[in-house]
């Protein structure tokens, strides 16, 4: 009995240990490029689509108010937003929208730090102080589910369906001292018919460099 009990405890610990480690897999790669930005009462901005150190495209936009760099992952969108203006501004998360180019349906999003159980509740706006930036991530509220097999929350893929997905839009409202600006970022999506390494961690998938 003394030997049996430690053995049982070891078996119970194994699933938890394996889930704690990131899982590697090969996933379809979708190259996402920023094509246009629509915003009322704002100076003309500059669009770019450079590659990062891992070889993945990182769409960039900059005007006199913001500079934003996007990183599209299979299940979510990361971005770094800098305040280029002379005053603080706020990100209005409750009015932010993700538009799927396949269904052409706008869906609500939630940002980093929001508990998954609370993702449908009101979100407090994030303040970005002038001269600083904020690292953020958005996911679609309706594309998260609890997997009883994995015993964890799992995010559904936003980048999917091979060559059917050709367009994505993200609406990101910014409230400035001069008034509100609703930035609409329009992206093209191209399935490259190749697979790259991806890592599963925290219920999400991340592309991993092959270099």
Protein backbone atom coordinates (compact mmCIF):
# COMPACT_ATOMS: atom_id res chain seq x y z
CA UNK A 1 0.00 0.00 0.00
CA UNK A 2 2.87 2.36 0.75
CA UNK A 3 4.27 1.80 -2.74
CA UNK A 4 0.87 2.00 -4.45
CA UNK A 5 -0.09 5.42 -3.13
CA UNK A 6 2.98 7.28 -4.48
CA UNK A 7 2.47 5.56 -7.86
CA UNK A 8 -1.13 6.82 -8.06
CA UNK A 9 -0.03 10.31 -7.12
CA UNK A 10 2.53 10.25 -9.93
CA UNK A 11 -0.09 9.25 -12.52
CA UNK A 12 -2.38 12.06 -11.39
CA UNK A 13 0.43 14.56 -11.76
CA UNK A 14 1.41 13.56 -15.31
CA UNK A 15 -1.48 15.26 -17.22
CA UNK A 16 -0.87 18.50 -15.34
CA UNK A 17 2.82 18.40 -16.12
CA UNK A 18 2.26 17.78 -19.83
CA UNK A 19 -0.26 20.62 -20.07
CA UNK A 20 2.18 23.02 -18.45
CA UNK A 21 4.63 22.57 -21.33
CA UNK A 22 4.00 24.27 -24.72
CA UNK A 23 2.92 21.90 -27.52
CA UNK A 24 4.60 22.16 -30.92
CA UNK A 25 2.77 21.51 -34.16
CA UNK A 26 2.79 22.43 -37.85
CA UNK A 27 0.03 24.84 -38.89
CA UNK A 28 -1.03 26.60 -42.09
CA UNK A 29 0.58 30.01 -42.44
CA UNK A 30 -1.54 33.00 -43.46
CA UNK A 31 0.25 36.19 -44.45
CA UNK A 32 -1.74 39.21 -43.30
CA UNK A 33 -0.98 42.66 -44.74
CA UNK A 34 -2.48 46.04 -43.92
CA UNK A 35 -4.12 47.46 -47.05
CA UNK A 36 -5.93 50.58 -45.82
CA UNK A 37 -6.95 52.54 -42.74
CA UNK A 38 -10.18 54.50 -42.50
CA UNK A 39 -10.49 57.21 -39.86
CA UNK A 40 -12.50 60.45 -39.89
CA UNK A 41 -10.98 63.85 -39.08
CA UNK A 42 -7.42 62.55 -38.92
CA UNK A 43 -4.28 63.38 -40.90
CA UNK A 44 -3.13 60.95 -43.50
CA UNK A 45 -1.07 58.14 -42.04
CA UNK A 46 1.62 55.81 -43.34
CA UNK A 47 1.12 52.08 -43.90
CA UNK A 48 3.85 49.44 -43.97
CA UNK A 49 4.14 45.66 -43.96
CA UNK A 50 7.67 44.79 -42.85
CA UNK A 51 8.81 41.37 -41.72
CA UNK A 52 9.97 40.66 -38.19
CA UNK A 53 13.01 38.67 -37.06
CA UNK A 54 11.02 35.44 -37.31
CA UNK A 55 10.15 36.08 -40.97
CA UNK A 56 6.47 36.86 -40.37
CA UNK A 57 4.69 40.00 -41.62
CA UNK A 58 3.99 42.71 -39.02
CA UNK A 59 1.59 45.33 -40.42
CA UNK A 60 2.33 48.89 -39.25
CA UNK A 61 0.37 52.15 -39.30
CA UNK A 62 1.41 55.58 -38.09
CA UNK A 63 -0.10 59.07 -37.99
CA UNK A 64 0.24 62.04 -35.62
CA UNK A 65 -1.84 60.30 -32.92
CA UNK A 66 -0.90 56.62 -32.94
CA UNK A 67 1.66 54.13 -34.13
CA UNK A 68 0.49 50.53 -34.11
CA UNK A 69 2.30 47.31 -35.03
CA UNK A 70 0.22 44.14 -35.48
CA UNK A 71 1.27 40.51 -35.12
CA UNK A 72 -1.34 38.04 -36.37
CA UNK A 73 -1.35 34.68 -34.64
CA UNK A 74 -3.66 31.76 -35.60
CA UNK A 75 -6.04 32.37 -32.67
CA UNK A 76 -5.65 36.07 -31.78
CA UNK A 77 -4.08 39.37 -32.74
CA UNK A 78 -1.22 40.93 -30.77
CA UNK A 79 -0.28 44.57 -31.22
CA UNK A 80 1.86 47.34 -29.75
CA UNK A 81 0.18 50.74 -29.71
CA UNK A 82 2.20 53.93 -29.14
CA UNK A 83 0.78 57.33 -28.24
CA UNK A 84 2.30 59.83 -30.70
CA UNK A 85 0.12 62.76 -29.60
CA UNK A 86 0.59 65.49 -27.00
CA UNK A 87 -2.02 64.15 -24.58
CA UNK A 88 -3.23 60.89 -23.10
CA UNK A 89 -5.86 58.82 -24.92
CA UNK A 90 -8.05 55.82 -24.13
CA UNK A 91 -8.81 52.58 -26.00
CA UNK A 92 -12.57 51.91 -25.90
CA UNK A 93 -12.59 48.10 -25.82
CA UNK A 94 -16.36 47.64 -25.65
CA UNK A 95 -16.74 49.25 -29.08
CA UNK A 96 -13.84 47.42 -30.74
CA UNK A 97 -14.90 44.95 -33.46
CA UNK A 98 -13.32 42.11 -35.43
CA UNK A 99 -14.82 41.46 -38.89
CA UNK A 100 -14.36 37.98 -40.32
CA UNK A 101 -13.95 38.17 -44.10
CA UNK A 102 -15.69 34.83 -44.64
CA UNK A 103 -18.92 35.51 -42.76
CA UNK A 104 -18.53 39.31 -43.09
CA UNK A 105 -19.87 39.55 -39.54
CA UNK A 106 -18.62 41.97 -36.93
CA UNK A 107 -17.89 40.37 -33.54
CA UNK A 108 -16.99 41.82 -30.16
CA UNK A 109 -13.49 41.34 -28.78
CA UNK A 110 -11.80 41.25 -25.39
CA UNK A 111 -8.26 42.25 -24.56
CA UNK A 112 -5.35 40.92 -22.54
CA UNK A 113 -5.96 40.64 -18.81
CA UNK A 114 -9.71 40.05 -19.02
CA UNK A 115 -10.77 36.81 -17.33
CA UNK A 116 -12.34 34.44 -19.85
CA UNK A 117 -15.43 34.04 -17.68
CA UNK A 118 -15.84 37.84 -17.74
CA UNK A 119 -15.20 38.41 -21.45
CA UNK A 120 -18.85 39.35 -22.14
CA UNK A 121 -18.90 41.95 -19.37
CA UNK A 122 -18.07 45.64 -19.79
CA UNK A 123 -14.35 46.33 -20.18
CA UNK A 124 -12.59 49.27 -18.61
CA UNK A 125 -10.89 51.50 -21.24
CA UNK A 126 -7.09 51.41 -21.25
CA UNK A 127 -5.27 54.73 -20.85
CA UNK A 128 -2.14 55.23 -22.96
CA UNK A 129 -0.07 58.09 -21.61
CA UNK A 130 1.49 60.47 -24.16
CA UNK A 131 4.93 59.38 -25.25
CA UNK A 132 4.38 55.79 -24.11
CA UNK A 133 3.04 52.57 -25.59
CA UNK A 134 1.01 49.55 -24.58
CA UNK A 135 1.39 45.88 -25.53
CA UNK A 136 -2.03 44.33 -26.10
CA UNK A 137 -3.84 41.34 -27.53
CA UNK A 138 -7.40 40.91 -28.76
CA UNK A 139 -9.47 37.77 -29.24
CA UNK A 140 -13.05 37.28 -30.37
CA UNK A 141 -15.50 36.73 -27.52
CA UNK A 142 -17.52 34.04 -29.28
CA UNK A 143 -14.48 32.00 -30.33
CA UNK A 144 -13.43 30.70 -26.95
CA UNK A 145 -14.71 27.49 -25.37
CA UNK A 146 -13.92 25.24 -22.46
CA UNK A 147 -12.46 21.86 -23.47
CA UNK A 148 -13.31 19.15 -20.97
CA UNK A 149 -10.81 16.84 -22.66
CA UNK A 150 -7.94 19.29 -22.16
CA UNK A 151 -9.45 20.65 -18.95
CA UNK A 152 -8.80 24.20 -20.06
CA UNK A 153 -10.09 27.11 -22.14
CA UNK A 154 -9.24 26.95 -25.84
CA UNK A 155 -9.28 29.69 -28.47
CA UNK A 156 -10.63 28.90 -31.95
CA UNK A 157 -8.56 29.84 -34.97
CA UNK A 158 -9.16 33.23 -36.56
CA UNK A 159 -6.83 32.37 -39.46
CA UNK A 160 -8.41 29.36 -41.13
CA UNK A 161 -10.23 27.88 -44.15
CA UNK A 162 -7.30 28.01 -46.58
CA UNK A 163 -7.91 30.41 -49.48
CA UNK A 164 -11.49 31.26 -48.43
CA UNK A 165 -10.28 33.86 -45.95
CA UNK A 166 -8.98 36.83 -47.93
CA UNK A 167 -9.96 39.83 -45.79
CA UNK A 168 -10.07 40.86 -42.13
CA UNK A 169 -11.12 44.17 -40.56
CA UNK A 170 -10.47 45.49 -37.06
CA UNK A 171 -12.22 48.55 -35.69
CA UNK A 172 -10.34 50.14 -32.78
CA UNK A 173 -11.90 53.25 -31.17
CA UNK A 174 -9.50 55.75 -29.61
CA UNK A 175 -10.81 58.58 -27.40
CA UNK A 176 -8.45 61.58 -27.55
CA UNK A 177 -8.48 65.09 -26.11
CA UNK A 178 -9.75 66.30 -29.49
CA UNK A 179 -12.54 63.73 -29.64
CA UNK A 180 -13.10 60.12 -30.56
CA UNK A 181 -11.45 58.48 -33.56
CA UNK A 182 -12.67 55.11 -34.83
CA UNK A 183 -9.79 53.49 -36.68
CA UNK A 184 -10.84 50.83 -39.18
CA UNK A 185 -7.89 48.69 -40.22
CA UNK A 186 -8.46 46.64 -43.39
CA UNK A 187 -6.16 43.66 -43.97
CA UNK A 188 -5.66 41.26 -46.85
CA UNK A 189 -5.12 37.60 -45.96
CA UNK A 190 -3.22 35.14 -48.13
CA UNK A 191 -2.95 31.44 -47.40
CA UNK A 192 0.54 30.43 -48.47
CA UNK A 193 -0.10 26.71 -48.87
CA UNK A 194 2.69 25.85 -46.46
CA UNK A 195 2.98 24.92 -42.82
CA UNK A 196 5.15 26.51 -40.17
CA UNK A 197 5.90 25.62 -36.59
CA UNK A 198 3.31 26.72 -34.05
CA UNK A 199 3.18 26.53 -30.29
CA UNK A 200 0.12 25.86 -28.15
CA UNK A 201 0.24 27.67 -24.83
CA UNK A 202 -2.46 29.04 -22.55
CA UNK A 203 -5.18 27.82 -24.90
CA UNK A 204 -3.78 29.85 -27.82
CA UNK A 205 -1.63 29.12 -30.86
CA UNK A 206 1.49 31.15 -31.69
CA UNK A 207 3.56 30.97 -34.86
CA UNK A 208 7.18 30.01 -34.10
CA UNK A 209 10.22 30.96 -36.14
CA UNK A 210 11.73 28.27 -38.37
CA UNK A 211 15.05 30.10 -38.50
